[in-house]
Amino acid sequence: MCKRFQKLSTSAVDRQLKKYGLPLLSEPNRSGNKKENKKPIVSTEIGSVSKFTGERVAVELVAKVGFDAWDFSMFSNMVLYDGRRKKILPNSHPLAGDNYLAFARELRRIGEDNGIFCNQSHAPFPSAVPEIRSYLKRALECTAEAGGKICVIHPCNNWGTEQNAEIFFELLPFAKSCGVKIATENMWNWDPIKCHAAPASCSDPKSFLDLLNAVNDDFFVACLDIGHAEMKGLGTSAVEMIRALGNKLAALHIHDNDKVHDSHQIPYSMNIEFSPILKALRKIGYSGDFTLESDAYIKKKSLIKNLLKMNETVRKMANEFNSLSE
């Protein structure tokens, strides 16, 4: 069942901002987040924040704490899916309505007014549900209107290469018309007997490369989920995946875990070793962004504190990456 969260009031958000000496929601950023010479760009998904604030405030807060960009989360708002009952739920969110493009443009304006931009997005899932697949073109449109250049779309976990490729063959002409690349992601299933992950589409180098090569299009690229790659039972690692994907790797979902569960925690807080991962990224000449997907780290009562720590952490990663030689 889709979980509902009580929103923070503007005054409650402002109290948190004031505590850390940041501009209030009614105030402009004191200095723009100048991005011209920043490589890699650091960003974070906004879904975890927007469940407490809404997307408009989430974009503004991501700017106020210092990120360069925001990742447009559309998987918990554009379409509501009850996986247990296999049912699409009623949804009054702007992204589900007729004015979805106007809403995406509004978020873009809020970001630009606060000195940041949309770098990528995440479409609704699971892609195996036909009703959800009908929203994937909408997600591509919204990505373009928000200013993003990459839209992450999951493959279907239990489909083979050819069947998954058909989804992307169908979407690619529309994606190209939007000027948005599709990035697919390494997935996982769960083995309830062994209590660890089990293989799924793109969960190992061969499966991932098989799909990328089957589609074989410059507008179809890879997003590596670091946490997924490190889960026990998949027989691989983030380093191995990076080396295999090479120049097909265009985006990242960065988070930490205990190497068993998909914990989505802040890097350096659990069991993943990030230094070898950064070295592998440098070795292949990775030129994409560093995007956090540490959504489980965000808490309502410490929202700004958590966001500040996330920005500090991903910048630490970016600085270490920049200090390495290829």
C-alpha atoms as a PDB file:
ATOM      1  CA  MET A   1       0.000   0.000   0.000  1.00  0.00           C
ATOM      2  CA  CYS A   2       1.271   3.496  -0.793  1.00  0.00           C
ATOM      3  CA  LYS A   3       2.264   5.232   2.425  1.00  0.00           C
ATOM      4  CA  ARG A   4       0.966   8.731   3.222  1.00  0.00           C
ATOM      5  CA  PHE A   5       3.130  11.234   5.089  1.00  0.00           C
ATOM      6  CA  GLN A   6       2.090  14.316   7.023  1.00  0.00           C
ATOM      7  CA  LYS A   7       3.628  17.373   5.390  1.00  0.00           C
ATOM      8  CA  LEU A   8       5.834  19.843   7.229  1.00  0.00           C
ATOM      9  CA  SER A   9       4.419  23.371   7.386  1.00  0.00           C
ATOM     10  CA  THR A  10       6.379  26.272   5.884  1.00  0.00           C
ATOM     11  CA  SER A  11       7.077  27.593   9.379  1.00  0.00           C
ATOM     12  CA  ALA A  12       8.409  24.194  10.473  1.00  0.00           C
ATOM     13  CA  VAL A  13      10.750  24.063   7.484  1.00  0.00           C
ATOM     14  CA  ASP A  14      11.867  27.638   8.145  1.00  0.00           C
ATOM     15  CA  ARG A  15      12.707  26.773  11.759  1.00  0.00           C
ATOM     16  CA  GLN A  16      15.003  24.019  10.548  1.00  0.00           C
ATOM     17  CA  LEU A  17      16.612  26.314   7.972  1.00  0.00           C
ATOM     18  CA  LYS A  18      17.130  29.063  10.553  1.00  0.00           C
ATOM     19  CA  LYS A  19      18.764  26.588  12.955  1.00  0.00           C
ATOM     20  CA  TYR A  20      21.522  25.976  10.391  1.00  0.00           C
ATOM     21  CA  GLY A  21      21.869  29.583   9.276  1.00  0.00           C
ATOM     22  CA  LEU A  22      20.327  29.016   5.848  1.00  0.00           C
ATOM     23  CA  PRO A  23      18.013  31.384   3.940  1.00  0.00           C
ATOM     24  CA  LEU A  24      14.334  30.871   4.695  1.00  0.00           C
ATOM     25  CA  LEU A  25      11.870  29.691   2.052  1.00  0.00           C
ATOM     26  CA  SER A  26      10.786  33.278   1.418  1.00  0.00           C
ATOM     27  CA  GLU A  27      14.392  34.403   0.923  1.00  0.00           C
ATOM     28  CA  PRO A  28      16.692  33.981  -2.083  1.00  0.00           C
ATOM     29  CA  ASN A  29      19.865  31.954  -1.778  1.00  0.00           C
ATOM     30  CA  ARG A  30      22.703  34.175  -0.575  1.00  0.00           C
ATOM     31  CA  SER A  31      24.925  32.976  -3.396  1.00  0.00           C
ATOM     32  CA  GLY A  32      23.976  30.948  -6.424  1.00  0.00           C
ATOM     33  CA  ASN A  33      25.220  27.384  -6.717  1.00  0.00           C
ATOM     34  CA  LYS A  34      27.687  28.160  -9.505  1.00  0.00           C
ATOM     35  CA  LYS A  35      28.214  25.023 -11.518  1.00  0.00           C
ATOM     36  CA  GLU A  36      30.384  26.078 -14.431  1.00  0.00           C
ATOM     37  CA  ASN A  37      33.635  24.559 -13.154  1.00  0.00           C
ATOM     38  CA  LYS A  38      32.197  21.836 -10.954  1.00  0.00           C
ATOM     39  CA  LYS A  39      32.879  18.291 -12.086  1.00  0.00           C
ATOM     40  CA  PRO A  40      31.354  15.994 -11.296  1.00  0.00           C
ATOM     41  CA  ILE A  41      27.975  17.605 -10.676  1.00  0.00           C
ATOM     42  CA  VAL A  42      26.495  16.456  -7.355  1.00  0.00           C
ATOM     43  CA  SER A  43      22.754  15.945  -7.036  1.00  0.00           C
ATOM     44  CA  THR A  44      20.128  14.082  -5.056  1.00  0.00           C
ATOM     45  CA  GLU A  45      16.703  12.613  -5.671  1.00  0.00           C
ATOM     46  CA  ILE A  46      13.838  14.777  -4.371  1.00  0.00           C
ATOM     47  CA  GLY A  47      11.303  12.027  -3.673  1.00  0.00           C
ATOM     48  CA  SER A  48      12.403  11.481  -0.075  1.00  0.00           C
ATOM     49  CA  VAL A  49      12.134  15.199   0.700  1.00  0.00           C
ATOM     50  CA  SER A  50       8.936  15.868  -1.216  1.00  0.00           C
ATOM     51  CA  LYS A  51       6.947  13.329   0.816  1.00  0.00           C
ATOM     52  CA  PHE A  52       7.362  15.793   3.715  1.00  0.00           C
ATOM     53  CA  THR A  53       7.321  19.103   1.814  1.00  0.00           C
ATOM     54  CA  GLY A  54       5.980  18.625  -1.712  1.00  0.00           C
ATOM     55  CA  GLU A  55       8.157  18.886  -4.812  1.00  0.00           C
ATOM     56  CA  ARG A  56       8.211  22.684  -5.019  1.00  0.00           C
ATOM     57  CA  VAL A  57       9.773  23.090  -1.591  1.00  0.00           C
ATOM     58  CA  ALA A  58      11.971  20.011  -2.076  1.00  0.00           C
ATOM     59  CA  VAL A  59      13.708  21.543  -5.099  1.00  0.00           C
ATOM     60  CA  GLU A  60      14.268  24.779  -3.185  1.00  0.00           C
ATOM     61  CA  LEU A  61      15.705  22.961  -0.168  1.00  0.00           C
ATOM     62  CA  VAL A  62      18.090  20.900  -2.285  1.00  0.00           C
ATOM     63  CA  ALA A  63      19.395  24.230  -3.600  1.00  0.00           C
ATOM     64  CA  LYS A  64      19.628  25.885  -0.188  1.00  0.00           C
ATOM     65  CA  VAL A  65      21.818  23.137   1.282  1.00  0.00           C
ATOM     66  CA  GLY A  66      24.251  23.408  -1.635  1.00  0.00           C
ATOM     67  CA  PHE A  67      23.607  20.685  -4.221  1.00  0.00           C
ATOM     68  CA  ASP A  68      24.323  21.521  -7.868  1.00  0.00           C
ATOM     69  CA  ALA A  69      21.278  19.718  -9.266  1.00  0.00           C
ATOM     70  CA  TRP A  70      18.118  17.773  -8.471  1.00  0.00           C
ATOM     71  CA  ASP A  71      16.945  14.357  -9.620  1.00  0.00           C
ATOM     72  CA  PHE A  72      13.245  14.451 -10.593  1.00  0.00           C
ATOM     73  CA  SER A  73      11.558  11.548  -8.746  1.00  0.00           C
ATOM     74  CA  MET A  74       8.336  10.504 -10.504  1.00  0.00           C
ATOM     75  CA  PHE A  75       7.833   6.983  -9.163  1.00  0.00           C
ATOM     76  CA  SER A  76       5.788   7.803  -6.053  1.00  0.00           C
ATOM     77  CA  ASN A  77       3.631  10.611  -7.420  1.00  0.00           C
ATOM     78  CA  MET A  78       2.898  10.264 -11.143  1.00  0.00           C
ATOM     79  CA  VAL A  79       1.124   6.943 -10.648  1.00  0.00           C
ATOM     80  CA  LEU A  80       0.225   5.243  -7.363  1.00  0.00           C
ATOM     81  CA  TYR A  81       0.461   1.466  -7.454  1.00  0.00           C
ATOM     82  CA  ASP A  82      -0.541  -0.944  -4.711  1.00  0.00           C
ATOM     83  CA  GLY A  83       1.781  -3.887  -5.348  1.00  0.00           C
ATOM     84  CA  ARG A  84       0.048  -6.134  -2.838  1.00  0.00           C
ATOM     85  CA  ARG A  85      -3.353  -5.760  -4.482  1.00  0.00           C
ATOM     86  CA  LYS A  86      -1.916  -5.257  -7.997  1.00  0.00           C
ATOM     87  CA  LYS A  87      -4.007  -2.133  -8.398  1.00  0.00           C
ATOM     88  CA  ILE A  88      -3.560   1.466  -9.567  1.00  0.00           C
ATOM     89  CA  LEU A  89      -4.873   3.845  -6.912  1.00  0.00           C
ATOM     90  CA  PRO A  90      -6.706   7.177  -7.313  1.00  0.00           C
ATOM     91  CA  ASN A  91      -4.211  10.020  -7.556  1.00  0.00           C
ATOM     92  CA  SER A  92      -4.673  13.789  -7.434  1.00  0.00           C
ATOM     93  CA  HIS A  93      -0.999  14.719  -7.850  1.00  0.00           C
ATOM     94  CA  PRO A  94      -0.284  17.329 -10.585  1.00  0.00           C
ATOM     95  CA  LEU A  95       1.958  14.842 -12.424  1.00  0.00           C
ATOM     96  CA  ALA A  96      -1.048  12.534 -12.795  1.00  0.00           C
ATOM     97  CA  GLY A  97      -3.313  15.264 -14.133  1.00  0.00           C
ATOM     98  CA  ASP A  98      -3.724  17.134 -17.400  1.00  0.00           C
ATOM     99  CA  ASN A  99      -1.304  19.936 -16.446  1.00  0.00           C
ATOM    100  CA  TYR A 100       1.697  17.713 -15.752  1.00  0.00           C
ATOM    101  CA  LEU A 101       3.985  19.599 -18.141  1.00  0.00           C
ATOM    102  CA  ALA A 102       3.166  22.948 -16.512  1.00  0.00           C
ATOM    103  CA  PHE A 103       4.096  21.416 -13.151  1.00  0.00           C
ATOM    104  CA  ALA A 104       7.439  20.173 -14.516  1.00  0.00           C
ATOM    105  CA  ARG A 105       8.128  23.650 -15.937  1.00  0.00           C
ATOM    106  CA  GLU A 106       7.296  25.204 -12.565  1.00  0.00           C
ATOM    107  CA  LEU A 107       9.816  22.953 -10.809  1.00  0.00           C
ATOM    108  CA  ARG A 108      12.421  23.894 -13.405  1.00  0.00           C
ATOM    109  CA  ARG A 109      11.788  27.600 -12.737  1.00  0.00           C
ATOM    110  CA  ILE A 110      12.052  27.120  -8.955  1.00  0.00           C
ATOM    111  CA  GLY A 111      15.353  25.337  -9.416  1.00  0.00           C
ATOM    112  CA  GLU A 112      16.766  27.954 -11.762  1.00  0.00           C
ATOM    113  CA  ASP A 113      15.600  30.773  -9.485  1.00  0.00           C
ATOM    114  CA  ASN A 114      17.624  29.111  -6.726  1.00  0.00           C
ATOM    115  CA  GLY A 115      20.716  28.391  -8.817  1.00  0.00           C
ATOM    116  CA  ILE A 116      20.320  24.668  -9.560  1.00  0.00           C
ATOM    117  CA  PHE A 117      19.017  22.530 -12.409  1.00  0.00           C
ATOM    118  CA  CYS A 118      17.443  19.127 -13.062  1.00  0.00           C
ATOM    119  CA  ASN A 119      20.152  16.721 -14.182  1.00  0.00           C
ATOM    120  CA  GLN A 120      18.174  13.478 -14.427  1.00  0.00           C
ATOM    121  CA  SER A 121      14.913  11.800 -13.462  1.00  0.00           C
ATOM    122  CA  HIS A 122      13.391   8.503 -12.388  1.00  0.00           C
ATOM    123  CA  ALA A 123      10.287   7.154 -14.125  1.00  0.00           C
ATOM    124  CA  PRO A 124       7.496   5.171 -12.426  1.00  0.00           C
ATOM    125  CA  PHE A 125       7.929   1.434 -11.851  1.00  0.00           C
ATOM    126  CA  PRO A 126       7.498  -1.573 -11.924  1.00  0.00           C
ATOM    127  CA  SER A 127       7.705  -1.512 -15.699  1.00  0.00           C
ATOM    128  CA  ALA A 128       6.076  -4.949 -15.976  1.00  0.00           C
ATOM    129  CA  VAL A 129       2.699  -3.394 -15.053  1.00  0.00           C
ATOM    130  CA  PRO A 130       1.003  -2.273 -18.314  1.00  0.00           C
ATOM    131  CA  GLU A 131      -0.777   0.643 -16.628  1.00  0.00           C
ATOM    132  CA  ILE A 132       2.558   1.953 -15.370  1.00  0.00           C
ATOM    133  CA  ARG A 133       4.238   1.538 -18.762  1.00  0.00           C
ATOM    134  CA  SER A 134       1.585   3.877 -20.155  1.00  0.00           C
ATOM    135  CA  TYR A 135       3.140   6.668 -18.037  1.00  0.00           C
ATOM    136  CA  LEU A 136       6.721   6.230 -19.249  1.00  0.00           C
ATOM    137  CA  LYS A 137       6.348   8.637 -22.163  1.00  0.00           C
ATOM    138  CA  ARG A 138       4.841  11.161 -19.758  1.00  0.00           C
ATOM    139  CA  ALA A 139       7.941  10.769 -17.567  1.00  0.00           C
ATOM    140  CA  LEU A 140      10.183  11.450 -20.576  1.00  0.00           C
ATOM    141  CA  GLU A 141       8.171  14.574 -21.424  1.00  0.00           C
ATOM    142  CA  CYS A 142       8.399  15.826 -17.844  1.00  0.00           C
ATOM    143  CA  THR A 143      12.141  15.212 -17.786  1.00  0.00           C
ATOM    144  CA  ALA A 144      12.566  17.359 -20.877  1.00  0.00           C
ATOM    145  CA  GLU A 145      10.339  20.141 -19.531  1.00  0.00           C
ATOM    146  CA  ALA A 146      12.241  20.143 -16.232  1.00  0.00           C
ATOM    147  CA  GLY A 147      15.545  20.409 -18.131  1.00  0.00           C
ATOM    148  CA  GLY A 148      16.859  16.900 -17.457  1.00  0.00           C
ATOM    149  CA  LYS A 149      18.901  14.989 -20.021  1.00  0.00           C
ATOM    150  CA  ILE A 150      18.563  11.422 -18.663  1.00  0.00           C
ATOM    151  CA  CYS A 151      15.493   9.495 -17.514  1.00  0.00           C
ATOM    152  CA  VAL A 152      16.086   6.282 -15.553  1.00  0.00           C
ATOM    153  CA  ILE A 153      13.598   3.561 -16.528  1.00  0.00           C
ATOM    154  CA  HIS A 154      13.726   0.151 -14.876  1.00  0.00           C
ATOM    155  CA  PRO A 155      13.784  -3.002 -16.958  1.00  0.00           C
ATOM    156  CA  CYS A 156      11.222  -5.629 -15.944  1.00  0.00           C
ATOM    157  CA  ASN A 157      12.910  -7.731 -13.265  1.00  0.00           C
ATOM    158  CA  ASN A 158      11.906 -11.146 -14.580  1.00  0.00           C
ATOM    159  CA  TRP A 159      11.814 -10.525 -18.314  1.00  0.00           C
ATOM    160  CA  GLY A 160      14.510 -11.700 -20.682  1.00  0.00           C
ATOM    161  CA  THR A 161      16.716  -9.490 -22.829  1.00  0.00           C
ATOM    162  CA  GLU A 162      14.534  -9.531 -25.939  1.00  0.00           C
ATOM    163  CA  GLN A 163      11.303  -8.804 -24.085  1.00  0.00           C
ATOM    164  CA  ASN A 164      12.859  -5.911 -22.169  1.00  0.00           C
ATOM    165  CA  ALA A 165      14.453  -4.565 -25.336  1.00  0.00           C
ATOM    166  CA  GLU A 166      11.006  -4.236 -26.911  1.00  0.00           C
ATOM    167  CA  ILE A 167       9.958  -1.759 -24.211  1.00  0.00           C
ATOM    168  CA  PHE A 168      12.906   0.455 -25.007  1.00  0.00           C
ATOM    169  CA  PHE A 169      12.596   0.117 -28.786  1.00  0.00           C
ATOM    170  CA  GLU A 170       9.071   1.455 -28.413  1.00  0.00           C
ATOM    171  CA  LEU A 171      10.148   4.381 -26.195  1.00  0.00           C
ATOM    172  CA  LEU A 172      13.335   5.486 -27.955  1.00  0.00           C
ATOM    173  CA  PRO A 173      11.809   7.474 -30.877  1.00  0.00           C
ATOM    174  CA  PHE A 174       9.778   9.492 -28.377  1.00  0.00           C
ATOM    175  CA  ALA A 175      12.791   9.927 -26.078  1.00  0.00           C
ATOM    176  CA  LYS A 176      14.833  11.269 -28.983  1.00  0.00           C
ATOM    177  CA  SER A 177      12.078  13.734 -29.876  1.00  0.00           C
ATOM    178  CA  CYS A 178      12.300  14.975 -26.271  1.00  0.00           C
ATOM    179  CA  GLY A 179      16.099  15.148 -26.321  1.00  0.00           C
ATOM    180  CA  VAL A 180      16.259  12.803 -23.314  1.00  0.00           C
ATOM    181  CA  LYS A 181      18.395   9.663 -23.032  1.00  0.00           C
ATOM    182  CA  ILE A 182      16.958   6.562 -21.392  1.00  0.00           C
ATOM    183  CA  ALA A 183      19.165   4.975 -18.732  1.00  0.00           C
ATOM    184  CA  THR A 184      18.234   1.516 -17.545  1.00  0.00           C
ATOM    185  CA  GLU A 185      19.288   0.192 -14.161  1.00  0.00           C
ATOM    186  CA  ASN A 186      20.645  -2.967 -12.521  1.00  0.00           C
ATOM    187  CA  MET A 187      17.835  -4.680 -10.599  1.00  0.00           C
ATOM    188  CA  TRP A 188      17.456  -7.411  -7.963  1.00  0.00           C
ATOM    189  CA  ASN A 189      14.960  -9.977  -6.741  1.00  0.00           C
ATOM    190  CA  TRP A 190      14.736 -11.494  -3.256  1.00  0.00           C
ATOM    191  CA  ASP A 191      15.265 -15.110  -2.226  1.00  0.00           C
ATOM    192  CA  PRO A 192      13.098 -15.626   0.893  1.00  0.00           C
ATOM    193  CA  ILE A 193      14.726 -18.977   1.654  1.00  0.00           C
ATOM    194  CA  LYS A 194      18.326 -17.774   1.567  1.00  0.00           C
ATOM    195  CA  CYS A 195      17.385 -14.292   2.824  1.00  0.00           C
ATOM    196  CA  HIS A 196      19.453 -12.412   0.283  1.00  0.00           C
ATOM    197  CA  ALA A 197      19.123 -10.970  -3.206  1.00  0.00           C
ATOM    198  CA  ALA A 198      18.567 -13.115  -6.280  1.00  0.00           C
ATOM    199  CA  PRO A 199      19.351 -12.412  -9.952  1.00  0.00           C
ATOM    200  CA  ALA A 200      17.125 -10.095 -11.967  1.00  0.00           C
ATOM    201  CA  SER A 201      17.375  -8.114 -15.183  1.00  0.00           C
ATOM    202  CA  CYS A 202      20.724  -6.297 -15.500  1.00  0.00           C
ATOM    203  CA  SER A 203      21.824  -7.557 -12.062  1.00  0.00           C
ATOM    204  CA  ASP A 204      25.209  -8.758 -13.337  1.00  0.00           C
ATOM    205  CA  PRO A 205      27.590  -7.514 -16.040  1.00  0.00           C
ATOM    206  CA  LYS A 206      26.503 -10.019 -18.696  1.00  0.00           C
ATOM    207  CA  SER A 207      22.790  -9.391 -18.248  1.00  0.00           C
ATOM    208  CA  PHE A 208      23.299  -5.617 -18.271  1.00  0.00           C
ATOM    209  CA  LEU A 209      25.514  -5.651 -21.351  1.00  0.00           C
ATOM    210  CA  ASP A 210      23.189  -8.069 -23.145  1.00  0.00           C
ATOM    211  CA  LEU A 211      20.332  -5.562 -22.877  1.00  0.00           C
ATOM    212  CA  LEU A 212      22.467  -2.545 -23.766  1.00  0.00           C
ATOM    213  CA  ASN A 213      23.876  -4.324 -26.823  1.00  0.00           C
ATOM    214  CA  ALA A 214      20.486  -5.668 -27.901  1.00  0.00           C
ATOM    215  CA  VAL A 215      19.073  -2.147 -28.032  1.00  0.00           C
ATOM    216  CA  ASN A 216      22.362  -0.675 -29.300  1.00  0.00           C
ATOM    217  CA  ASP A 217      21.409   2.990 -29.420  1.00  0.00           C
ATOM    218  CA  ASP A 218      23.306   6.101 -28.288  1.00  0.00           C
ATOM    219  CA  PHE A 219      20.148   7.259 -26.489  1.00  0.00           C
ATOM    220  CA  PHE A 220      20.074   4.052 -24.411  1.00  0.00           C
ATOM    221  CA  VAL A 221      22.667   4.078 -21.614  1.00  0.00           C
ATOM    222  CA  ALA A 222      23.382   2.590 -18.192  1.00  0.00           C
ATOM    223  CA  CYS A 223      22.608   3.877 -14.714  1.00  0.00           C
ATOM    224  CA  LEU A 224      24.524   1.877 -12.134  1.00  0.00           C
ATOM    225  CA  ASP A 225      22.862   1.557  -8.749  1.00  0.00           C
ATOM    226  CA  ILE A 226      25.865   1.158  -6.458  1.00  0.00           C
ATOM    227  CA  GLY A 227      23.865  -0.362  -3.606  1.00  0.00           C
ATOM    228  CA  HIS A 228      22.141  -2.943  -5.801  1.00  0.00           C
ATOM    229  CA  ALA A 229      25.465  -4.076  -7.270  1.00  0.00           C
ATOM    230  CA  GLU A 230      26.866  -4.776  -3.799  1.00  0.00           C
ATOM    231  CA  MET A 231      23.997  -6.977  -2.536  1.00  0.00           C
ATOM    232  CA  LYS A 232      24.802 -10.544  -1.562  1.00  0.00           C
ATOM    233  CA  GLY A 233      23.440 -13.151  -3.952  1.00  0.00           C
ATOM    234  CA  LEU A 234      24.007 -11.276  -7.211  1.00  0.00           C
ATOM    235  CA  GLY A 235      27.562 -12.512  -7.707  1.00  0.00           C
ATOM    236  CA  THR A 236      29.038  -9.187  -8.686  1.00  0.00           C
ATOM    237  CA  SER A 237      30.209  -5.844  -7.283  1.00  0.00           C
ATOM    238  CA  ALA A 238      30.017  -2.183  -8.186  1.00  0.00           C
ATOM    239  CA  VAL A 239      33.661  -2.248  -9.314  1.00  0.00           C
ATOM    240  CA  GLU A 240      33.069  -5.221 -11.622  1.00  0.00           C
ATOM    241  CA  MET A 241      29.963  -3.583 -13.083  1.00  0.00           C
ATOM    242  CA  ILE A 242      31.773  -0.292 -13.691  1.00  0.00           C
ATOM    243  CA  ARG A 243      34.634  -2.012 -15.505  1.00  0.00           C
ATOM    244  CA  ALA A 244      32.210  -3.985 -17.659  1.00  0.00           C
ATOM    245  CA  LEU A 245      29.928  -1.069 -18.545  1.00  0.00           C
ATOM    246  CA  GLY A 246      32.763   1.291 -19.455  1.00  0.00           C
ATOM    247  CA  ASN A 247      31.630   4.172 -21.652  1.00  0.00           C
ATOM    248  CA  LYS A 248      28.044   2.946 -21.593  1.00  0.00           C
ATOM    249  CA  LEU A 249      27.804   4.142 -17.970  1.00  0.00           C
ATOM    250  CA  ALA A 250      26.155   7.579 -17.933  1.00  0.00           C
ATOM    251  CA  ALA A 251      24.494   7.918 -14.516  1.00  0.00           C
ATOM    252  CA  LEU A 252      24.726   6.702 -10.930  1.00  0.00           C
ATOM    253  CA  HIS A 253      22.442   5.984  -7.989  1.00  0.00           C
ATOM    254  CA  ILE A 254      24.723   6.283  -4.966  1.00  0.00           C
ATOM    255  CA  HIS A 255      23.836   4.897  -1.545  1.00  0.00           C
ATOM    256  CA  ASP A 256      25.148   2.539   1.134  1.00  0.00           C
ATOM    257  CA  ASN A 257      23.912  -0.758   2.567  1.00  0.00           C
ATOM    258  CA  ASP A 258      24.899  -3.748   4.704  1.00  0.00           C
ATOM    259  CA  LYS A 259      25.664  -5.742   1.540  1.00  0.00           C
ATOM    260  CA  VAL A 260      22.508  -7.788   2.074  1.00  0.00           C
ATOM    261  CA  HIS A 261      19.530  -5.408   2.067  1.00  0.00           C
ATOM    262  CA  ASP A 262      18.679  -2.510  -0.243  1.00  0.00           C
ATOM    263  CA  SER A 263      19.131  -0.025   2.597  1.00  0.00           C
ATOM    264  CA  HIS A 264      19.453   3.247   0.624  1.00  0.00           C
ATOM    265  CA  GLN A 265      21.524   4.887   3.349  1.00  0.00           C
ATOM    266  CA  ILE A 266      24.051   7.705   3.149  1.00  0.00           C
ATOM    267  CA  PRO A 267      27.504   6.677   1.841  1.00  0.00           C
ATOM    268  CA  TYR A 268      30.192   5.809   4.438  1.00  0.00           C
ATOM    269  CA  SER A 269      27.551   4.820   7.012  1.00  0.00           C
ATOM    270  CA  MET A 270      27.348   1.051   6.377  1.00  0.00           C
ATOM    271  CA  ASN A 271      29.444  -1.638   4.663  1.00  0.00           C
ATOM    272  CA  ILE A 272      30.193  -0.556   1.094  1.00  0.00           C
ATOM    273  CA  GLU A 273      33.790   0.518   0.425  1.00  0.00           C
ATOM    274  CA  PHE A 274      33.612   3.541  -1.852  1.00  0.00           C
ATOM    275  CA  SER A 275      37.302   4.220  -2.541  1.00  0.00           C
ATOM    276  CA  PRO A 276      37.683   1.238  -4.947  1.00  0.00           C
ATOM    277  CA  ILE A 277      34.437   2.287  -6.640  1.00  0.00           C
ATOM    278  CA  LEU A 278      35.708   5.831  -7.174  1.00  0.00           C
ATOM    279  CA  LYS A 279      38.987   4.469  -8.545  1.00  0.00           C
ATOM    280  CA  ALA A 280      37.091   2.243 -10.987  1.00  0.00           C
ATOM    281  CA  LEU A 281      34.968   5.193 -12.128  1.00  0.00           C
ATOM    282  CA  ARG A 282      38.099   7.270 -12.677  1.00  0.00           C
ATOM    283  CA  LYS A 283      39.778   4.413 -14.544  1.00  0.00           C
ATOM    284  CA  ILE A 284      36.988   4.197 -17.145  1.00  0.00           C
ATOM    285  CA  GLY A 285      36.923   7.991 -17.547  1.00  0.00           C
ATOM    286  CA  TYR A 286      33.432   8.392 -16.069  1.00  0.00           C
ATOM    287  CA  SER A 287      32.139  11.865 -16.935  1.00  0.00           C
ATOM    288  CA  GLY A 288      28.603  11.697 -15.547  1.00  0.00           C
ATOM    289  CA  ASP A 289      27.118  13.117 -12.365  1.00  0.00           C
ATOM    290  CA  PHE A 290      27.221  11.860  -8.781  1.00  0.00           C
ATOM    291  CA  THR A 291      23.563  11.441  -7.798  1.00  0.00           C
ATOM    292  CA  LEU A 292      22.543  10.302  -4.336  1.00  0.00           C
ATOM    293  CA  GLU A 293      19.650   7.929  -3.785  1.00  0.00           C
ATOM    294  CA  SER A 294      20.033   7.787  -0.004  1.00  0.00           C
ATOM    295  CA  ASP A 295      16.322   8.263   0.556  1.00  0.00           C
ATOM    296  CA  ALA A 296      16.094   6.177   3.752  1.00  0.00           C
ATOM    297  CA  TYR A 297      18.453   8.652   5.453  1.00  0.00           C
ATOM    298  CA  ILE A 298      15.948  11.516   5.218  1.00  0.00           C
ATOM    299  CA  LYS A 299      13.897  12.047   8.380  1.00  0.00           C
ATOM    300  CA  LYS A 300      11.126  14.577   8.889  1.00  0.00           C
ATOM    301  CA  LYS A 301      12.393  16.121  12.134  1.00  0.00           C
ATOM    302  CA  SER A 302      15.985  16.412  10.899  1.00  0.00           C
ATOM    303  CA  LEU A 303      15.318  17.152   7.245  1.00  0.00           C
ATOM    304  CA  ILE A 304      17.776  20.028   6.803  1.00  0.00           C
ATOM    305  CA  LYS A 305      20.451  18.387   8.951  1.00  0.00           C
ATOM    306  CA  ASN A 306      20.179  15.245   6.830  1.00  0.00           C
ATOM    307  CA  LEU A 307      20.310  17.166   3.543  1.00  0.00           C
ATOM    308  CA  LEU A 308      23.373  19.129   4.655  1.00  0.00           C
ATOM    309  CA  LYS A 309      25.149  15.901   5.614  1.00  0.00           C
ATOM    310  CA  MET A 310      24.211  14.320   2.271  1.00  0.00           C
ATOM    311  CA  ASN A 311      25.641  17.275   0.340  1.00  0.00           C
ATOM    312  CA  GLU A 312      28.825  17.179   2.442  1.00  0.00           C
ATOM    313  CA  THR A 313      29.176  13.435   1.879  1.00  0.00           C
ATOM    314  CA  VAL A 314      28.682  13.375  -1.877  1.00  0.00           C
ATOM    315  CA  ARG A 315      31.079  16.322  -2.252  1.00  0.00           C
ATOM    316  CA  LYS A 316      33.636  14.326  -0.293  1.00  0.00           C
ATOM    317  CA  MET A 317      33.198  11.573  -2.870  1.00  0.00           C
ATOM    318  CA  ALA A 318      33.501  14.016  -5.767  1.00  0.00           C
ATOM    319  CA  ASN A 319      36.672  15.531  -4.304  1.00  0.00           C
ATOM    320  CA  GLU A 320      38.237  12.092  -3.839  1.00  0.00           C
ATOM    321  CA  PHE A 321      37.279  11.197  -7.407  1.00  0.00           C
ATOM    322  CA  ASN A 322      38.900  14.396  -8.692  1.00  0.00           C
ATOM    323  CA  SER A 323      42.104  13.702  -6.761  1.00  0.00           C
ATOM    324  CA  LEU A 324      42.626  10.392  -8.591  1.00  0.00           C
ATOM    325  CA  SER A 325      44.553  10.000 -11.822  1.00  0.00           C
ATOM    326  CA  GLU A 326      43.024   7.949 -14.659  1.00  0.00           C
END
